[in-house]
Amino acid sequence: MPKQVLAVTQIHPVLSDFLSQHHYTVVYKPELSRAALLAEAADYEGIITSTKITFDPEMLDACSNLKWIGRMGSGMELIDLVYAAQKHIFCCSSPDGNANAVAEQALGMYLALQHNIFKSNIEVKKGIWLRDENRGTEIEGKTAGIIGLGNNGYKFAEKLSRLGMKVLAYDIEKKDISTPNIIQIADLEAIQSAADMISFHVPYNALTHHYFNRDFLAKMRQPFVLLNLSRGKVVDQAALLEGLNTGQITGAALDVWEREPLHKMTEQMQAEAGLLLAHPHFIGTSHIGGYTHEAVYKMSLSLKEKIEQFIVNI
């Protein structure tokens, strides 16, 4: 039987051609459900995934011939890495591949909020001409608080620094990587005291579940903008809505949601999401931050290099 690789997300030819050269048949099934994969899991020696399918022990047991999993993107929370290691399944990701894409979208969302671009655009389309009401606020000279200083957080921090912002960053693991004139490592309390904007760039786990909640909101010392382009469950949507309604949060943008797509949310989550989307100072997108054409190439190249190294050594 020929070696098969399942791709449940888009990949660039730099990866698919490499796999073909190594005698793999790439099977592309972006709409494959969990139930369908469980039924055919034994057919695949490799799987390229994103955020669509959870590789828990049940799934990994069903993948009886699986040798490797490649994750297009950064977060590995959908793969039981401990159990995969016990089954000698090589797992890799490509967190460096979409960092610039995420940083560019975060910057675009932040600027759109600060300058009321989307709000004014909607009004103008309705024939409403408001200037004073849509007076913007410049980001130069303001203070950004970056929570999580991995690939995405660092890239965004660099861009903000170049635009004249003071960047304070907090990372539970990184205490000594302050970069002169770019990033200053700070504790969380210092960020909550000084930040005009908070942006989350953390993985999702038990420690980061609802990292932003009512308690976090209460500790912020001044009105601020909130961005989340990491994982949806990092931000409590109810607390975010409360902050927007009271004016403590002057603008917010989410590229990720507590459950995705929106129709998979509970009724309460859907109600909260509806109120957020109706708010004039909120921007929401469909988890597209790291999904640019260039990022697909860079993530595919990153996986190609890691999978190649694994294949050579088996």
Protein backbone atom coordinates (compact mmCIF):
# COMPACT_ATOMS: atom_id res chain seq x y z
CA MET A 1 0.00 0.00 0.00
CA PRO A 2 1.44 3.45 -0.91
CA LYS A 3 2.35 5.80 1.90
CA GLN A 4 -0.36 8.39 2.42
CA VAL A 5 -0.35 11.80 4.09
CA LEU A 6 -3.61 13.47 5.08
CA ALA A 7 -3.80 17.27 4.81
CA VAL A 8 -6.85 18.77 6.51
CA THR A 9 -5.69 22.31 5.79
CA GLN A 10 -4.17 24.16 2.86
CA ILE A 11 -0.47 23.60 2.25
CA HIS A 12 1.95 25.13 -0.23
CA PRO A 13 3.52 23.10 -3.06
CA VAL A 14 6.89 23.51 -1.33
CA LEU A 15 5.59 20.92 1.15
CA SER A 16 3.33 18.80 -1.06
CA ASP A 17 6.02 18.48 -3.75
CA PHE A 18 8.57 17.47 -1.13
CA LEU A 19 6.23 14.78 0.17
CA SER A 20 5.60 13.48 -3.35
CA GLN A 21 9.35 13.29 -3.95
CA HIS A 22 9.57 11.07 -0.86
CA HIS A 23 6.92 8.74 -2.26
CA TYR A 24 3.99 10.00 -0.20
CA THR A 25 0.53 10.40 -1.72
CA VAL A 26 -1.01 13.58 -0.32
CA VAL A 27 -4.76 13.28 0.35
CA TYR A 28 -6.38 16.70 0.75
CA LYS A 29 -9.59 16.66 2.82
CA PRO A 30 -10.19 20.08 4.43
CA GLU A 31 -13.78 19.26 5.42
CA LEU A 32 -13.00 15.90 7.03
CA SER A 33 -14.91 15.40 10.28
CA ARG A 34 -13.55 13.75 13.39
CA ALA A 35 -15.85 10.76 12.89
CA ALA A 36 -14.69 10.31 9.30
CA LEU A 37 -11.04 10.51 10.30
CA LEU A 38 -11.53 7.95 13.06
CA ALA A 39 -12.88 5.58 10.41
CA GLU A 40 -9.93 5.97 8.05
CA ALA A 41 -7.14 7.01 10.42
CA ALA A 42 -5.14 3.82 9.89
CA ASP A 43 -4.61 4.76 6.24
CA TYR A 44 -2.16 7.57 7.00
CA GLU A 45 1.52 7.65 7.87
CA GLY A 46 1.54 11.42 8.25
CA ILE A 47 -1.07 14.10 8.98
CA ILE A 48 -0.88 17.84 8.38
CA THR A 49 -3.39 19.64 10.58
CA SER A 50 -4.41 23.06 11.86
CA THR A 51 -7.11 23.73 14.47
CA LYS A 52 -9.87 21.49 13.13
CA ILE A 53 -9.29 18.10 14.76
CA THR A 54 -8.27 17.09 18.27
CA PHE A 55 -5.62 14.36 18.50
CA ASP A 56 -6.53 12.87 21.85
CA PRO A 57 -5.75 9.26 22.89
CA GLU A 58 -8.81 7.93 21.06
CA MET A 59 -7.73 9.55 17.80
CA LEU A 60 -4.06 8.64 18.23
CA ASP A 61 -4.98 5.01 18.92
CA ALA A 62 -7.05 4.98 15.73
CA CYS A 63 -4.02 6.29 13.80
CA SER A 64 -2.32 2.92 14.08
CA ASN A 65 0.22 3.57 11.30
CA LEU A 66 0.89 7.22 12.05
CA LYS A 67 4.53 8.28 12.27
CA TRP A 68 4.28 12.07 12.30
CA ILE A 69 1.94 15.06 12.69
CA GLY A 70 2.76 18.48 11.24
CA ARG A 71 0.87 21.47 12.63
CA MET A 72 0.38 24.44 10.29
CA GLY A 73 0.71 27.19 12.89
CA SER A 74 1.85 27.42 16.47
CA GLY A 75 -0.48 26.10 19.17
CA MET A 76 -0.16 22.39 19.97
CA GLU A 77 -2.98 22.22 22.52
CA LEU A 78 -5.11 20.03 20.22
CA ILE A 79 -2.49 17.27 20.24
CA ASP A 80 -1.87 15.10 23.31
CA LEU A 81 1.89 15.40 23.03
CA VAL A 82 2.63 13.10 25.97
CA TYR A 83 0.54 10.27 24.54
CA ALA A 84 1.90 10.89 21.04
CA ALA A 85 5.43 10.55 22.40
CA GLN A 86 4.49 7.27 24.08
CA LYS A 87 3.35 6.02 20.68
CA HIS A 88 6.56 7.32 19.06
CA ILE A 89 4.69 9.81 16.87
CA PHE A 90 6.83 12.78 15.88
CA CYS A 91 4.98 16.10 16.27
CA CYS A 92 6.12 19.47 14.96
CA SER A 93 4.67 22.92 14.35
CA SER A 94 5.57 26.08 12.46
CA PRO A 95 5.24 29.00 14.90
CA ASP A 96 7.77 31.09 13.03
CA GLY A 97 5.86 30.84 9.77
CA ASN A 98 2.92 33.11 10.50
CA ALA A 99 4.34 35.51 13.08
CA ASN A 100 4.58 38.45 10.69
CA ALA A 101 1.07 37.81 9.35
CA VAL A 102 -0.41 37.85 12.85
CA ALA A 103 1.58 40.95 13.79
CA GLU A 104 0.42 42.82 10.69
CA GLN A 105 -3.23 42.01 11.37
CA ALA A 106 -2.88 43.00 15.03
CA LEU A 107 -1.39 46.31 13.95
CA GLY A 108 -4.14 46.86 11.39
CA MET A 109 -6.85 46.15 13.94
CA TYR A 110 -5.25 48.45 16.50
CA LEU A 111 -4.93 51.34 14.06
CA ALA A 112 -8.48 50.82 12.80
CA LEU A 113 -9.78 51.07 16.37
CA GLN A 114 -7.67 54.08 17.29
CA HIS A 115 -8.75 56.01 14.20
CA ASN A 116 -12.38 54.80 14.07
CA ILE A 117 -11.82 53.59 10.51
CA PHE A 118 -14.42 50.81 10.43
CA LYS A 119 -16.99 52.82 12.40
CA SER A 120 -16.69 55.82 10.08
CA ASN A 121 -16.71 53.58 7.01
CA ILE A 122 -20.03 52.01 8.04
CA GLU A 123 -21.50 55.45 8.76
CA VAL A 124 -20.37 56.95 5.45
CA LYS A 125 -21.94 54.03 3.57
CA LYS A 126 -25.21 55.02 5.26
CA GLY A 127 -24.77 58.67 4.31
CA ILE A 128 -23.76 59.70 7.84
CA TRP A 129 -20.91 62.24 7.96
CA LEU A 130 -19.34 62.53 11.43
CA ARG A 131 -15.93 64.09 11.98
CA ASP A 132 -15.69 65.24 15.58
CA GLU A 133 -17.35 62.04 16.79
CA ASN A 134 -14.74 59.97 14.94
CA ARG A 135 -11.67 61.96 15.91
CA GLY A 136 -8.84 59.45 16.19
CA THR A 137 -6.09 58.86 18.73
CA GLU A 138 -2.48 58.38 17.61
CA ILE A 139 -0.47 55.46 18.92
CA GLU A 140 2.89 57.24 18.92
CA GLY A 141 3.98 57.89 22.49
CA LYS A 142 1.50 55.44 23.97
CA THR A 143 2.34 52.32 26.01
CA ALA A 144 1.65 48.80 24.74
CA GLY A 145 1.37 45.79 27.02
CA ILE A 146 2.29 42.53 25.28
CA ILE A 147 1.25 39.40 27.18
CA GLY A 148 3.30 36.49 25.83
CA LEU A 149 6.58 37.08 24.03
CA GLY A 150 6.85 34.17 21.63
CA ASN A 151 7.20 34.55 17.87
CA ASN A 152 3.94 36.46 17.40
CA GLY A 153 4.23 38.68 20.44
CA TYR A 154 7.81 39.66 19.68
CA LYS A 155 7.09 40.47 16.03
CA PHE A 156 4.13 42.68 17.01
CA ALA A 157 6.23 44.38 19.69
CA GLU A 158 8.90 45.21 17.11
CA LYS A 159 6.35 46.87 14.83
CA LEU A 160 4.83 48.91 17.64
CA SER A 161 8.24 50.07 18.81
CA ARG A 162 9.12 51.29 15.32
CA LEU A 163 5.94 53.37 15.35
CA GLY A 164 7.04 55.16 18.50
CA MET A 165 5.28 53.18 21.20
CA LYS A 166 6.79 52.17 24.51
CA VAL A 167 6.49 48.38 24.71
CA LEU A 168 6.18 46.55 28.02
CA ALA A 169 6.11 42.77 27.80
CA TYR A 170 5.26 40.00 30.23
CA ASP A 171 6.05 36.34 29.68
CA ILE A 172 5.89 33.70 32.37
CA GLU A 173 9.03 31.99 31.00
CA LYS A 174 11.08 34.89 29.65
CA LYS A 175 12.47 37.23 32.25
CA ASP A 176 15.69 38.56 30.76
CA ILE A 177 15.23 39.35 27.08
CA SER A 178 14.62 43.07 27.21
CA THR A 179 15.84 44.67 23.99
CA PRO A 180 17.11 48.26 24.25
CA ASN A 181 14.77 50.72 22.52
CA ILE A 182 12.32 47.93 21.58
CA ILE A 183 10.99 45.89 24.50
CA GLN A 184 11.12 46.27 28.26
CA ILE A 185 10.31 43.18 30.31
CA ALA A 186 7.85 44.06 33.07
CA ASP A 187 5.68 42.29 35.60
CA LEU A 188 1.96 42.03 35.00
CA GLU A 189 1.10 44.65 37.61
CA ALA A 190 3.34 47.23 35.92
CA ILE A 191 1.64 46.57 32.59
CA GLN A 192 -1.83 46.83 34.12
CA SER A 193 -0.84 50.16 35.65
CA ALA A 194 0.63 51.76 32.52
CA ALA A 195 -0.71 50.17 29.34
CA ASP A 196 -2.89 52.01 26.84
CA MET A 197 -3.27 48.76 24.92
CA ILE A 198 -3.13 45.08 25.92
CA SER A 199 -2.44 42.36 23.33
CA PHE A 200 -2.50 38.64 24.13
CA HIS A 201 -0.05 36.25 22.43
CA VAL A 202 -0.13 33.19 24.68
CA PRO A 203 -0.83 29.48 24.10
CA TYR A 204 -4.05 28.05 25.48
CA ASN A 205 -3.77 25.86 28.57
CA ALA A 206 -5.14 25.63 32.09
CA LEU A 207 -3.12 28.67 33.18
CA THR A 208 -4.31 30.90 30.34
CA HIS A 209 -8.00 29.93 30.32
CA HIS A 210 -9.90 33.23 30.65
CA TYR A 211 -6.60 34.99 31.35
CA PHE A 212 -8.51 38.16 30.65
CA ASN A 213 -11.47 38.15 33.02
CA ARG A 214 -13.28 40.54 35.35
CA ASP A 215 -10.40 40.40 37.83
CA PHE A 216 -7.88 41.38 35.13
CA LEU A 217 -10.23 44.16 34.00
CA ALA A 218 -10.53 45.51 37.55
CA LYS A 219 -6.74 45.76 37.87
CA MET A 220 -6.35 47.96 34.78
CA ARG A 221 -5.67 51.50 35.94
CA GLN A 222 -6.84 53.43 32.87
CA PRO A 223 -9.00 53.02 29.76
CA PHE A 224 -7.34 50.74 27.23
CA VAL A 225 -7.67 48.84 23.95
CA LEU A 226 -7.71 45.03 24.03
CA LEU A 227 -6.51 42.73 21.24
CA ASN A 228 -6.57 38.94 21.13
CA LEU A 229 -5.06 37.05 18.20
CA SER A 230 -3.87 34.04 20.21
CA ARG A 231 -6.58 31.62 21.35
CA GLY A 232 -10.24 32.43 21.88
CA LYS A 233 -10.59 30.97 25.37
CA VAL A 234 -7.84 33.27 26.64
CA VAL A 235 -10.43 36.08 26.78
CA ASP A 236 -13.70 35.84 28.70
CA GLN A 237 -16.20 37.31 26.24
CA ALA A 238 -18.56 38.36 29.05
CA ALA A 239 -15.81 40.36 30.78
CA LEU A 240 -14.81 41.92 27.46
CA LEU A 241 -18.39 42.99 26.77
CA GLU A 242 -18.66 44.45 30.26
CA GLY A 243 -15.49 46.48 29.74
CA LEU A 244 -16.72 47.85 26.41
CA ASN A 245 -20.11 48.77 27.83
CA THR A 246 -18.63 50.64 30.80
CA GLY A 247 -16.09 52.44 28.63
CA GLN A 248 -13.08 51.05 30.48
CA ILE A 249 -12.20 49.24 27.26
CA THR A 250 -12.21 51.91 24.55
CA GLY A 251 -11.86 49.42 21.71
CA ALA A 252 -11.42 45.69 21.24
CA ALA A 253 -10.52 43.31 18.43
CA LEU A 254 -10.74 39.52 18.32
CA ASP A 255 -9.46 37.29 15.56
CA VAL A 256 -10.13 34.24 17.73
CA TRP A 257 -13.26 33.24 19.65
CA GLU A 258 -14.22 31.07 22.61
CA ARG A 259 -15.58 28.53 20.12
CA GLU A 260 -15.09 28.48 16.37
CA PRO A 261 -16.90 28.85 14.06
CA LEU A 262 -19.50 31.00 15.80
CA HIS A 263 -22.35 28.54 15.21
CA LYS A 264 -20.59 26.05 17.51
CA MET A 265 -20.93 28.41 20.48
CA THR A 266 -23.39 27.87 23.30
CA GLU A 267 -26.48 30.08 23.22
CA GLN A 268 -24.94 32.35 25.86
CA MET A 269 -21.68 32.66 23.91
CA GLN A 270 -23.60 33.43 20.72
CA ALA A 271 -25.58 36.13 22.52
CA GLU A 272 -22.35 37.68 23.84
CA ALA A 273 -20.73 37.47 20.41
CA GLY A 274 -23.75 39.15 18.84
CA LEU A 275 -23.54 42.05 21.29
CA LEU A 276 -19.81 42.38 20.69
CA LEU A 277 -20.25 42.44 16.91
CA ALA A 278 -22.93 45.11 17.24
CA HIS A 279 -20.70 47.34 19.36
CA PRO A 280 -19.29 50.34 17.45
CA HIS A 281 -15.86 49.97 19.05
CA PHE A 282 -15.37 46.27 18.35
CA ILE A 283 -13.77 44.48 15.40
CA GLY A 284 -14.09 40.73 14.89
CA THR A 285 -12.58 38.50 12.21
CA SER A 286 -12.71 34.78 11.41
CA HIS A 287 -9.30 33.57 12.67
CA ILE A 288 -7.53 34.86 9.57
CA GLY A 289 -4.56 36.59 11.22
CA GLY A 290 -1.99 33.91 10.45
CA TYR A 291 -3.55 32.81 7.19
CA THR A 292 -1.96 35.02 4.54
CA HIS A 293 -0.65 33.65 1.25
CA GLU A 294 2.89 34.30 2.44
CA ALA A 295 2.29 32.61 5.79
CA VAL A 296 1.01 29.43 4.12
CA TYR A 297 4.30 29.27 2.20
CA LYS A 298 6.46 29.99 5.25
CA MET A 299 4.60 27.52 7.48
CA SER A 300 4.79 24.84 4.77
CA LEU A 301 8.53 25.44 4.36
CA SER A 302 9.05 25.22 8.12
CA LEU A 303 7.20 21.89 8.29
CA LYS A 304 9.04 20.59 5.23
CA GLU A 305 12.39 21.20 6.92
CA LYS A 306 11.33 19.53 10.19
CA ILE A 307 9.64 16.55 8.55
CA GLU A 308 12.64 16.09 6.26
CA GLN A 309 14.94 15.92 9.26
CA PHE A 310 12.67 13.33 10.88
CA ILE A 311 12.40 11.20 7.74
CA VAL A 312 16.17 11.15 7.31
CA ASN A 313 16.61 9.83 10.84
CA ILE A 314 14.04 7.00 10.78
